[in-house]
Protein backbone atom coordinates (compact mmCIF):
# COMPACT_ATOMS: atom_id res chain seq x y z
CA UNK A 1 -42.07 105.85 -69.35
CA UNK A 2 -38.30 105.91 -69.03
CA UNK A 3 -38.39 109.64 -68.83
CA UNK A 4 -40.85 109.54 -65.98
CA UNK A 5 -38.74 107.10 -64.16
CA UNK A 6 -35.58 109.31 -64.58
CA UNK A 7 -37.56 112.31 -63.38
CA UNK A 8 -38.69 110.45 -60.30
CA UNK A 9 -35.19 109.27 -59.62
CA UNK A 10 -33.78 112.77 -59.90
CA UNK A 11 -36.60 114.13 -57.71
CA UNK A 12 -35.93 111.46 -55.02
CA UNK A 13 -32.11 112.20 -55.08
CA UNK A 14 -32.84 115.95 -54.73
CA UNK A 15 -35.12 115.29 -51.72
CA UNK A 16 -32.76 113.04 -49.94
CA UNK A 17 -29.71 115.37 -50.74
CA UNK A 18 -31.39 118.39 -49.18
CA UNK A 19 -32.42 116.38 -46.09
CA UNK A 20 -28.62 115.89 -45.19
CA UNK A 21 -27.54 119.33 -46.00
CA UNK A 22 -26.38 121.49 -43.11
CA UNK A 23 -26.36 125.20 -42.90
CA UNK A 24 -25.49 127.69 -40.19
CA UNK A 25 -28.06 130.13 -41.74
CA UNK A 26 -31.79 129.85 -40.62
CA UNK A 27 -33.99 127.91 -43.04
CA UNK A 28 -36.20 129.94 -45.40
CA UNK A 29 -39.42 128.81 -46.92
CA UNK A 30 -39.19 127.90 -50.61
CA UNK A 31 -40.63 130.31 -53.15
CA UNK A 32 -44.41 129.47 -54.12
CA UNK A 33 -44.76 127.48 -57.21
CA UNK A 34 -46.85 129.16 -59.85
CA UNK A 35 -49.64 127.23 -61.50
CA UNK A 36 -51.50 128.12 -64.69
CA UNK A 37 -55.33 128.17 -65.01
CA UNK A 38 -55.42 124.70 -66.23
CA UNK A 39 -53.19 123.32 -63.42
CA UNK A 40 -50.22 122.97 -65.68
CA UNK A 41 -46.70 123.84 -64.35
CA UNK A 42 -45.35 127.24 -65.48
CA UNK A 43 -41.52 127.80 -65.70
CA UNK A 44 -40.22 130.30 -63.16
CA UNK A 45 -39.60 133.01 -65.84
CA UNK A 46 -43.29 132.79 -66.72
CA UNK A 47 -42.69 131.91 -70.43
CA UNK A 48 -44.50 128.81 -71.51
CA UNK A 49 -42.64 126.06 -73.46
CA UNK A 50 -44.39 124.99 -76.70
CA UNK A 51 -44.99 121.37 -77.03
CA UNK A 52 -43.02 119.39 -79.55
CA UNK A 53 -44.52 117.66 -82.60
CA UNK A 54 -43.95 113.91 -83.23
CA UNK A 55 -41.54 114.95 -86.12
CA UNK A 56 -39.49 117.14 -83.74
CA UNK A 57 -39.29 114.33 -81.15
CA UNK A 58 -38.13 111.92 -83.88
CA UNK A 59 -35.50 114.37 -85.11
CA UNK A 60 -34.24 114.68 -81.53
CA UNK A 61 -34.08 110.88 -81.21
CA UNK A 62 -32.11 110.51 -84.53
CA UNK A 63 -29.72 113.38 -83.47
CA UNK A 64 -29.06 111.79 -80.15
CA UNK A 65 -28.34 108.47 -81.84
CA UNK A 66 -25.91 110.15 -84.29
CA UNK A 67 -23.98 112.20 -81.77
CA UNK A 68 -23.69 109.46 -79.11
CA UNK A 69 -25.95 110.86 -76.47
CA UNK A 70 -28.28 107.84 -76.59
CA UNK A 71 -25.39 105.39 -76.19
CA UNK A 72 -24.04 107.37 -73.28
CA UNK A 73 -27.38 107.43 -71.48
CA UNK A 74 -27.80 103.71 -72.12
CA UNK A 75 -24.31 102.96 -70.61
CA UNK A 76 -24.84 105.27 -67.61
CA UNK A 77 -28.45 105.63 -66.66
CA UNK A 78 -29.99 102.37 -67.91
CA UNK A 79 -26.86 100.09 -67.32
CA UNK A 80 -28.83 97.96 -64.83
CA UNK A 81 -31.87 97.23 -66.96
């Protein structure tokens, strides 16, 4: 849930930031987004990303707690919650 909120926040910032950008060059249409047969997003390089197992996600969580990444996120991104 928090990941989705962060993703939406960054998407909102990206959308508003580009609305105020000024350029002397003419606007160009964005490159089309590639969709897989199942409707899933495909990275621009065309290589799919393998999903993580629960054990891999847990290992990432433990690692982020140990190296201070989780504390940093809590202090910066989640400070108002």
